[in-house]
Amino acid sequence: MANTLEVKKLKRVIDHEKILDDISFYVPSGKLCAFIGHNGAGKTTTIKSILSLYGYDGGEIFINNINSRKIESHQIIGYVPEKENFPKIKAIKFLQMMAALYNVPKRVINSRIKYYEHIFSLKNRLNINLSSMSSGQKKKIMIIQSLLHDPQLLIMDEPTENLDPDTRDIFYKLMQKLQKQGKTIFISTHNLDEIQNFTDWIVIIVNGKIKKISSHEPTKDLHRIYNRYKPKIVV
């Protein structure tokens, strides 16, 4: 099985502190991967390094065997950041703009937006300004924009934060559908109860070091697996 994402000996140092300590891991094509770790473990730094939003001090990253420093590698990625930073425009204009940036043909942009508008129950909400939306609605917009160009690899940082339980269920059902289509999905999350029934691959990072890479059966308890590696807390 080919690997859609490969990280090799990635290093990032800030003020002489190793934020990422020569980390290496891979995600096989078609897997739904849970990227797990405590606050400050290096999850978001890893993700932003993969996306070339952060520089790094050593190592290599490959997306579909293309070095991530090459712009063409990012054409196949859909990204949902942990925190959104929207321009002051209507939601529909933002989605159309993002689709155009990824060269989605004009003839299909609006139909794709309509499709996800229906899935995420946003009817009559896309014509309002993004600043007027609730935090949950903003998260839905970020998920939709990540999907419009039909990416091969989805990278999502806490994608269900601020979503209500029904929408979280819809989100994971959609991820399962995309996975069946051959998409690879890489989700950073703290909500192990939520993701454990969907993931079939896990990567655990602790204090900037990769502690485990393996397949995961949905019936297995992610808490029990993570507890073997998480840092000890002394009160």
Protein backbone atom coordinates (compact mmCIF):
# COMPACT_ATOMS: atom_id res chain seq x y z
CA MET A 1 0.00 0.00 0.00
CA ALA A 2 1.39 3.42 -0.99
CA ASN A 3 1.69 6.21 1.54
CA THR A 4 -0.11 9.48 0.82
CA LEU A 5 1.78 11.28 3.60
CA GLU A 6 5.36 10.66 4.73
CA VAL A 7 7.28 12.69 7.29
CA LYS A 8 10.98 11.88 7.62
CA LYS A 9 13.21 13.10 10.46
CA LEU A 10 11.36 16.40 10.77
CA LYS A 11 12.99 18.84 13.16
CA ARG A 12 11.94 22.28 14.40
CA VAL A 13 13.88 24.20 17.01
CA ILE A 14 12.78 27.45 18.67
CA ASP A 15 15.07 29.22 21.16
CA HIS A 16 17.19 26.07 21.47
CA GLU A 17 14.12 24.01 22.36
CA LYS A 18 13.28 21.02 20.17
CA ILE A 19 9.61 21.46 19.27
CA LEU A 20 9.79 18.55 16.81
CA ASP A 21 12.57 16.09 17.59
CA ASP A 22 13.46 14.22 14.37
CA ILE A 23 9.94 12.86 13.98
CA SER A 24 9.11 10.30 11.32
CA PHE A 25 5.74 8.77 10.47
CA TYR A 26 3.58 7.83 7.52
CA VAL A 27 -0.10 7.53 6.65
CA PRO A 28 -1.05 4.86 4.09
CA SER A 29 -3.34 5.88 1.26
CA GLY A 30 -7.04 5.54 2.03
CA LYS A 31 -6.65 5.60 5.82
CA LEU A 32 -8.49 7.79 8.32
CA CYS A 33 -5.69 8.68 10.72
CA ALA A 34 -6.07 10.09 14.23
CA PHE A 35 -3.11 12.32 15.14
CA ILE A 36 -3.10 12.26 18.94
CA GLY A 37 -1.15 14.12 21.59
CA HIS A 38 -1.45 16.40 24.61
CA ASN A 39 -1.50 20.21 24.37
CA GLY A 40 1.93 21.39 23.27
CA ALA A 41 2.98 17.98 21.99
CA GLY A 42 3.70 19.35 18.51
CA LYS A 43 0.54 18.43 16.56
CA THR A 44 -0.25 21.83 15.11
CA THR A 45 3.44 22.54 14.44
CA THR A 46 3.65 19.28 12.52
CA ILE A 47 0.56 20.09 10.50
CA LYS A 48 1.73 23.61 9.64
CA SER A 49 5.11 22.20 8.65
CA ILE A 50 3.43 19.72 6.30
CA LEU A 51 1.53 22.63 4.75
CA SER A 52 4.70 24.77 4.50
CA LEU A 53 3.07 27.37 6.76
CA TYR A 54 6.00 26.87 9.14
CA GLY A 55 9.61 26.40 8.23
CA TYR A 56 11.60 23.56 9.76
CA ASP A 57 15.22 22.88 10.62
CA GLY A 58 15.68 19.46 9.12
CA GLY A 59 13.94 16.53 7.51
CA GLU A 60 11.65 16.00 4.53
CA ILE A 61 7.93 15.72 3.92
CA PHE A 62 6.35 13.92 0.97
CA ILE A 63 2.76 14.10 -0.24
CA ASN A 64 1.98 11.45 -2.85
CA ASN A 65 5.76 11.09 -3.25
CA ILE A 66 6.10 14.81 -4.04
CA ASN A 67 8.32 16.89 -1.76
CA SER A 68 6.06 19.26 0.19
CA ARG A 69 8.30 22.19 -0.66
CA LYS A 70 7.01 21.93 -4.23
CA ILE A 71 3.81 23.88 -4.75
CA GLU A 72 2.17 21.10 -6.77
CA SER A 73 2.12 18.88 -3.67
CA HIS A 74 -0.38 21.25 -2.02
CA GLN A 75 -2.89 21.09 -4.84
CA ILE A 76 -4.05 17.71 -3.55
CA ILE A 77 -4.51 18.86 0.08
CA GLY A 78 -7.66 20.13 1.75
CA TYR A 79 -6.94 21.88 5.05
CA VAL A 80 -9.10 22.81 8.03
CA PRO A 81 -7.20 24.94 10.58
CA GLU A 82 -7.97 24.85 14.28
CA LYS A 83 -8.80 28.57 14.23
CA GLU A 84 -10.28 30.36 11.25
CA ASN A 85 -9.28 33.82 10.06
CA PHE A 86 -11.95 35.00 7.64
CA PRO A 87 -11.99 38.09 5.42
CA LYS A 88 -14.98 40.42 5.82
CA ILE A 89 -17.11 38.98 3.00
CA LYS A 90 -20.20 36.86 2.56
CA ALA A 91 -19.79 33.12 3.05
CA ILE A 92 -20.75 32.31 -0.55
CA LYS A 93 -18.13 34.72 -1.91
CA PHE A 94 -15.48 33.20 0.35
CA LEU A 95 -16.27 29.67 -0.84
CA GLN A 96 -16.30 30.73 -4.48
CA MET A 97 -12.97 32.49 -3.99
CA MET A 98 -11.36 29.45 -2.35
CA ALA A 99 -12.62 27.13 -5.07
CA ALA A 100 -11.21 29.43 -7.74
CA LEU A 101 -7.82 29.50 -5.99
CA TYR A 102 -7.68 25.73 -6.43
CA ASN A 103 -8.68 26.00 -10.09
CA VAL A 104 -12.06 24.31 -9.64
CA PRO A 105 -13.88 24.73 -12.99
CA LYS A 106 -16.41 27.56 -12.83
CA ARG A 107 -19.16 25.30 -14.15
CA VAL A 108 -18.99 23.07 -11.05
CA ILE A 109 -18.17 25.51 -8.23
CA ASN A 110 -21.74 26.45 -7.35
CA SER A 111 -23.05 22.89 -7.62
CA ARG A 112 -20.37 21.68 -5.20
CA ILE A 113 -21.17 24.49 -2.80
CA LYS A 114 -24.88 23.62 -3.00
CA TYR A 115 -24.09 19.98 -2.26
CA TYR A 116 -22.22 20.76 0.96
CA GLU A 117 -24.64 23.54 1.88
CA HIS A 118 -27.33 20.85 1.99
CA ILE A 119 -25.22 18.34 3.91
CA PHE A 120 -24.32 20.87 6.62
CA SER A 121 -27.78 22.49 6.83
CA LEU A 122 -26.65 25.95 5.76
CA LYS A 123 -29.59 26.80 3.52
CA ASN A 124 -30.11 30.59 3.35
CA ARG A 125 -27.02 31.14 5.50
CA LEU A 126 -24.35 31.54 2.81
CA ASN A 127 -25.50 35.03 1.82
CA ILE A 128 -24.66 36.51 5.19
CA ASN A 129 -21.32 37.96 6.22
CA LEU A 130 -18.92 35.48 7.79
CA SER A 131 -18.52 37.76 10.80
CA SER A 132 -22.22 37.30 11.59
CA MET A 133 -22.02 33.52 11.71
CA SER A 134 -21.86 31.43 14.87
CA SER A 135 -18.65 29.57 15.71
CA GLY A 136 -20.26 26.31 14.60
CA GLN A 137 -21.33 27.78 11.26
CA LYS A 138 -17.84 29.15 10.70
CA LYS A 139 -16.40 25.70 11.29
CA LYS A 140 -18.80 24.26 8.73
CA ILE A 141 -17.58 26.85 6.20
CA MET A 142 -13.97 25.85 6.85
CA ILE A 143 -14.80 22.19 6.33
CA ILE A 144 -16.65 22.95 3.10
CA GLN A 145 -13.83 25.07 1.66
CA SER A 146 -11.40 22.20 2.30
CA LEU A 147 -13.52 19.85 0.18
CA LEU A 148 -14.44 21.96 -2.84
CA HIS A 149 -11.41 21.01 -4.96
CA ASP A 150 -11.90 17.28 -4.29
CA PRO A 151 -8.52 16.83 -2.55
CA GLN A 152 -6.79 13.48 -2.24
CA LEU A 153 -5.49 14.28 1.26
CA LEU A 154 -7.51 16.01 3.99
CA ILE A 155 -5.56 17.55 6.89
CA MET A 156 -7.82 18.73 9.69
CA ASP A 157 -6.89 20.33 13.02
CA GLU A 158 -9.73 19.85 15.55
CA PRO A 159 -12.38 19.91 12.78
CA THR A 160 -15.36 19.14 15.04
CA GLU A 161 -14.64 21.80 17.67
CA ASN A 162 -17.72 24.04 18.12
CA LEU A 163 -19.95 21.65 16.17
CA ASP A 164 -23.13 20.30 17.75
CA PRO A 165 -23.50 16.51 18.21
CA ASP A 166 -25.68 16.03 15.13
CA THR A 167 -23.21 17.87 12.90
CA ARG A 168 -20.30 15.89 14.35
CA ASP A 169 -22.10 12.72 13.35
CA ILE A 170 -22.72 14.12 9.86
CA PHE A 171 -19.06 15.10 9.61
CA TYR A 172 -17.74 11.63 10.40
CA LYS A 173 -20.23 9.93 8.11
CA LEU A 174 -19.00 12.24 5.34
CA MET A 175 -15.40 11.35 6.17
CA GLN A 176 -16.26 7.65 5.91
CA LYS A 177 -17.85 8.26 2.52
CA LEU A 178 -14.77 10.12 1.30
CA GLN A 179 -12.52 7.39 2.65
CA LYS A 180 -14.44 4.79 0.63
CA GLN A 181 -13.70 6.95 -2.42
CA GLY A 182 -9.99 6.50 -1.69
CA LYS A 183 -9.28 9.76 0.15
CA THR A 184 -6.70 9.87 2.92
CA ILE A 185 -7.79 11.76 6.04
CA PHE A 186 -5.45 13.06 8.76
CA ILE A 187 -7.28 14.45 11.79
CA SER A 188 -5.69 16.03 14.84
CA THR A 189 -8.08 15.82 17.77
CA HIS A 190 -8.33 15.59 21.55
CA ASN A 191 -11.72 13.90 21.39
CA LEU A 192 -10.72 10.24 21.46
CA ASP A 193 -14.22 8.97 22.29
CA GLU A 194 -15.55 10.62 19.15
CA ILE A 195 -12.95 9.51 16.63
CA GLN A 196 -12.15 5.98 17.83
CA ASN A 197 -15.11 4.41 16.02
CA PHE A 198 -13.98 5.82 12.67
CA THR A 199 -10.20 5.77 12.59
CA ASP A 200 -8.15 2.88 11.19
CA TRP A 201 -4.69 4.41 11.69
CA ILE A 202 -3.13 6.26 14.61
CA VAL A 203 -0.05 8.42 15.15
CA ILE A 204 0.79 9.45 18.73
CA ILE A 205 3.13 12.36 19.46
CA VAL A 206 4.45 13.17 22.95
CA ASN A 207 6.73 16.13 23.70
CA GLY A 208 7.77 16.48 20.08
CA LYS A 209 8.53 12.79 19.56
CA ILE A 210 6.52 10.13 17.75
CA LYS A 211 5.65 7.34 20.19
CA LYS A 212 3.41 5.08 18.13
CA ILE A 213 2.33 4.48 14.54
CA SER A 214 -0.10 1.67 13.89
CA SER A 215 -3.37 0.48 12.48
CA HIS A 216 -6.38 0.79 14.76
CA GLU A 217 -9.51 -1.29 14.99
CA PRO A 218 -12.60 0.84 15.77
CA THR A 219 -13.52 -1.48 18.65
CA LYS A 220 -10.23 -0.76 20.44
CA ASP A 221 -10.17 1.90 23.16
CA LEU A 222 -8.00 4.83 22.04
CA HIS A 223 -7.82 6.09 25.62
CA ARG A 224 -6.11 2.87 26.72
CA ILE A 225 -3.64 3.08 23.84
CA TYR A 226 -2.83 6.75 24.41
CA ASN A 227 -2.50 6.30 28.18
CA ARG A 228 0.55 4.09 27.60
CA TYR A 229 2.42 7.01 26.10
CA LYS A 230 1.02 10.25 27.49
CA PRO A 231 3.25 12.26 29.84
CA LYS A 232 2.79 11.69 33.54
CA ILE A 233 1.13 14.56 35.39
CA VAL A 234 2.16 15.22 39.00
CA VAL A 235 -0.31 17.25 41.10
